[in-house]
Amino acid sequence: MLQTCISVGGRTSYCGALNSAREYIHEKSPSEETKLIGKLLMMSTPSFAEINLAFQAVFGEQGPTSRTSRRLLAALASKSQRPDIAESVIQWMSAIRAEVNLYHYSALINAHAKTSQWVKSSKLLSMLLHDKIQIDKIAYSAAISACEKGGEWVQALQLLRLMLDGKVEGDTIAFNAAISACEKCDA
């Protein structure tokens, strides 16, 4: 597959995931989202203003729908593994008072999990608990998986306990991630 690199404003763009993210979005959604993913991935770390311009160029003044933004965040998490951009998109959405819900945060937790950023996944989960947002098994499982990938078995077990204490039904992903984290420990 041809790798595309573009320089934007004198900064070198992120090249590695551009084509795979475009393919993923193209399979799953309209071309407007493909354009937006491409614009965001061309920026090494987009600023608020750059994200704003990218969204306006693709969606106009009204911005994306809640569903479109969830799909965008999922694409940033799955194929491109750019949780930094996914986090910037959520911050931008909050700033313009767009709906940001559990599904958006679950996509962001998953993006951090895919890059083994267990601290950020755990902090996001804690923030949701602090804000009294009902967390589902998808968000818990992603955070537990991040801990597993980061070799943090104690944190994985703490999150699993928190999940079960919160009356959230455990699933295979959460249990397997916690078991795998324990298997990897040095103790």
Protein backbone atom coordinates (compact mmCIF):
# COMPACT_ATOMS: atom_id res chain seq x y z
CA MET A 1 0.00 0.00 0.00
CA LEU A 2 1.27 3.45 -0.90
CA GLN A 3 2.01 5.61 2.14
CA THR A 4 1.04 9.25 1.80
CA CYS A 5 2.96 12.02 3.55
CA ILE A 6 1.95 15.64 3.33
CA SER A 7 3.38 18.75 4.93
CA VAL A 8 0.82 21.14 6.40
CA GLY A 9 1.89 24.59 7.47
CA GLY A 10 5.54 23.59 7.55
CA ARG A 11 4.84 20.62 9.85
CA THR A 12 5.38 17.06 8.73
CA SER A 13 2.14 15.13 8.68
CA TYR A 14 1.36 11.77 10.20
CA CYS A 15 1.86 9.30 7.36
CA GLY A 16 1.54 5.75 8.62
CA ALA A 17 -2.17 5.52 9.24
CA LEU A 18 -3.62 7.86 6.63
CA ASN A 19 -4.39 5.26 3.99
CA SER A 20 -5.72 2.62 6.39
CA ALA A 21 -8.00 5.17 8.07
CA ARG A 22 -9.30 6.32 4.70
CA GLU A 23 -10.05 2.71 3.74
CA TYR A 24 -11.85 2.06 7.03
CA ILE A 25 -13.95 5.21 6.79
CA HIS A 26 -14.69 4.61 3.11
CA GLU A 27 -16.05 1.14 3.93
CA LYS A 28 -18.13 2.36 6.85
CA SER A 29 -19.35 5.85 6.01
CA PRO A 30 -19.89 8.64 3.48
CA SER A 31 -17.04 10.40 1.73
CA GLU A 32 -17.40 13.52 3.93
CA GLU A 33 -16.03 11.54 6.86
CA THR A 34 -13.21 10.23 4.68
CA LYS A 35 -12.24 13.80 3.89
CA LEU A 36 -12.30 14.78 7.54
CA ILE A 37 -10.20 11.82 8.68
CA GLY A 38 -7.71 12.67 5.95
CA LYS A 39 -7.56 16.31 7.04
CA LEU A 40 -7.06 15.40 10.70
CA LEU A 41 -4.45 12.73 10.06
CA MET A 42 -2.40 15.11 7.95
CA MET A 43 -1.79 17.17 11.09
CA SER A 44 0.80 15.94 13.57
CA THR A 45 -1.17 17.29 16.56
CA PRO A 46 -4.05 19.45 15.40
CA SER A 47 -4.92 22.56 17.38
CA PHE A 48 -8.46 23.58 18.27
CA ALA A 49 -8.46 26.00 15.32
CA GLU A 50 -7.26 23.30 12.90
CA ILE A 51 -9.93 20.85 14.07
CA ASN A 52 -12.53 23.58 13.78
CA LEU A 53 -11.45 24.37 10.22
CA ALA A 54 -11.42 20.69 9.25
CA PHE A 55 -14.94 20.13 10.61
CA GLN A 56 -16.27 23.30 8.99
CA ALA A 57 -14.70 22.41 5.63
CA VAL A 58 -16.43 19.03 5.66
CA PHE A 59 -19.68 19.61 7.55
CA GLY A 60 -20.26 23.37 7.40
CA GLU A 61 -21.38 25.45 10.36
CA GLN A 62 -23.72 22.83 11.85
CA GLY A 63 -20.92 20.33 12.48
CA PRO A 64 -21.23 16.54 12.45
CA THR A 65 -24.12 14.58 13.90
CA SER A 66 -23.57 12.61 17.09
CA ARG A 67 -23.46 9.38 15.08
CA THR A 68 -20.96 10.78 12.58
CA SER A 69 -18.66 11.97 15.35
CA ARG A 70 -18.82 8.54 17.05
CA ARG A 71 -17.84 6.90 13.76
CA LEU A 72 -15.01 9.37 13.32
CA LEU A 73 -13.70 8.65 16.82
CA ALA A 74 -13.99 4.90 16.23
CA ALA A 75 -11.96 5.25 13.03
CA LEU A 76 -9.29 7.24 14.84
CA ALA A 77 -9.18 4.47 17.45
CA SER A 78 -9.29 1.38 15.29
CA LYS A 79 -7.22 1.81 12.16
CA SER A 80 -5.20 4.94 12.70
CA GLN A 81 -4.49 4.54 16.42
CA ARG A 82 -4.47 8.30 16.98
CA PRO A 83 -5.97 8.80 20.45
CA ASP A 84 -4.34 12.25 20.60
CA ILE A 85 -6.50 13.42 17.71
CA ALA A 86 -9.58 11.62 19.08
CA GLU A 87 -9.08 13.44 22.40
CA SER A 88 -8.71 16.78 20.60
CA VAL A 89 -11.93 16.10 18.68
CA ILE A 90 -13.83 15.45 21.94
CA GLN A 91 -12.40 18.63 23.49
CA TRP A 92 -13.48 20.54 20.39
CA MET A 93 -16.98 19.02 20.57
CA SER A 94 -17.30 20.02 24.23
CA ALA A 95 -16.11 23.54 23.48
CA ILE A 96 -18.76 24.06 20.80
CA ARG A 97 -21.35 22.47 23.09
CA ALA A 98 -21.96 19.50 20.82
CA GLU A 99 -23.36 16.36 22.40
CA VAL A 100 -20.60 14.29 23.97
CA ASN A 101 -21.86 11.10 25.56
CA LEU A 102 -20.72 7.71 26.85
CA TYR A 103 -20.32 6.38 23.31
CA HIS A 104 -17.88 9.15 22.41
CA TYR A 105 -15.88 8.56 25.58
CA SER A 106 -15.94 4.79 25.03
CA ALA A 107 -14.41 5.35 21.59
CA LEU A 108 -11.73 7.53 23.18
CA ILE A 109 -11.03 4.97 25.94
CA ASN A 110 -10.73 2.33 23.22
CA ALA A 111 -8.34 4.54 21.25
CA HIS A 112 -6.09 4.81 24.30
CA ALA A 113 -6.43 1.07 24.93
CA LYS A 114 -5.25 0.22 21.43
CA THR A 115 -2.06 2.19 22.06
CA SER A 116 -1.55 0.73 25.58
CA GLN A 117 -2.18 4.09 27.26
CA TRP A 118 -3.72 2.60 30.40
CA VAL A 119 -3.30 5.75 32.51
CA LYS A 120 -5.36 7.85 30.12
CA SER A 121 -8.01 5.12 29.78
CA SER A 122 -8.29 4.85 33.55
CA LYS A 123 -8.46 8.63 33.99
CA LEU A 124 -11.27 8.89 31.45
CA LEU A 125 -13.17 6.13 33.24
CA SER A 126 -12.66 7.91 36.57
CA MET A 127 -13.90 11.15 35.05
CA LEU A 128 -17.07 9.43 33.85
CA LEU A 129 -17.63 7.95 37.31
CA HIS A 130 -17.04 11.35 38.92
CA ASP A 131 -19.61 12.91 36.55
CA LYS A 132 -22.04 10.12 37.52
CA ILE A 133 -22.32 8.84 33.97
CA GLN A 134 -23.52 5.25 33.84
CA ILE A 135 -20.59 3.32 32.36
CA ASP A 136 -21.25 0.25 30.25
CA LYS A 137 -19.25 -2.94 29.84
CA ILE A 138 -17.71 -1.67 26.59
CA ALA A 139 -15.98 1.26 28.32
CA TYR A 140 -14.88 -0.89 31.27
CA SER A 141 -13.59 -3.64 28.98
CA ALA A 142 -11.58 -1.16 26.91
CA ALA A 143 -9.98 0.33 30.03
CA ILE A 144 -9.20 -3.13 31.44
CA SER A 145 -7.67 -4.11 28.08
CA ALA A 146 -5.50 -0.98 28.18
CA CYS A 147 -4.21 -2.02 31.61
CA GLU A 148 -3.54 -5.52 30.32
CA LYS A 149 -1.57 -4.20 27.35
CA GLY A 150 0.36 -1.90 29.68
CA GLY A 151 1.18 -4.77 32.05
CA GLU A 152 -0.77 -3.16 34.89
CA TRP A 153 -2.44 -6.20 36.45
CA VAL A 154 -3.31 -4.48 39.74
CA GLN A 155 -5.12 -1.67 37.93
CA ALA A 156 -6.86 -4.20 35.64
CA LEU A 157 -8.20 -6.09 38.68
CA GLN A 158 -9.23 -2.84 40.37
CA LEU A 159 -11.22 -1.81 37.29
CA LEU A 160 -12.80 -5.27 37.06
CA ARG A 161 -13.84 -4.99 40.74
CA LEU A 162 -15.20 -1.48 40.10
CA MET A 163 -17.15 -2.81 37.13
CA LEU A 164 -18.73 -5.65 39.09
CA ASP A 165 -19.39 -3.45 42.15
CA GLY A 166 -21.17 -1.01 39.84
CA LYS A 167 -23.57 -3.80 38.84
CA VAL A 168 -22.25 -3.84 35.29
CA GLU A 169 -22.36 -7.34 33.86
CA GLY A 170 -18.88 -8.59 33.07
CA ASP A 171 -18.12 -9.91 29.63
CA THR A 172 -15.54 -12.21 28.06
CA ILE A 173 -13.36 -9.31 26.96
CA ALA A 174 -13.10 -7.82 30.45
CA PHE A 175 -12.46 -11.15 32.18
CA ASN A 176 -9.94 -12.32 29.60
CA ALA A 177 -8.06 -9.01 29.72
CA ALA A 178 -7.86 -9.17 33.52
CA ILE A 179 -6.67 -12.79 33.43
CA SER A 180 -4.11 -11.97 30.73
CA ALA A 181 -2.83 -9.01 32.78
CA CYS A 182 -2.29 -11.33 35.75
CA GLU A 183 -0.51 -13.88 33.58
CA LYS A 184 1.94 -11.20 32.45
CA CYS A 185 2.84 -9.99 35.93
CA ASP A 186 6.35 -10.58 37.26
CA ALA A 187 5.20 -11.67 40.72
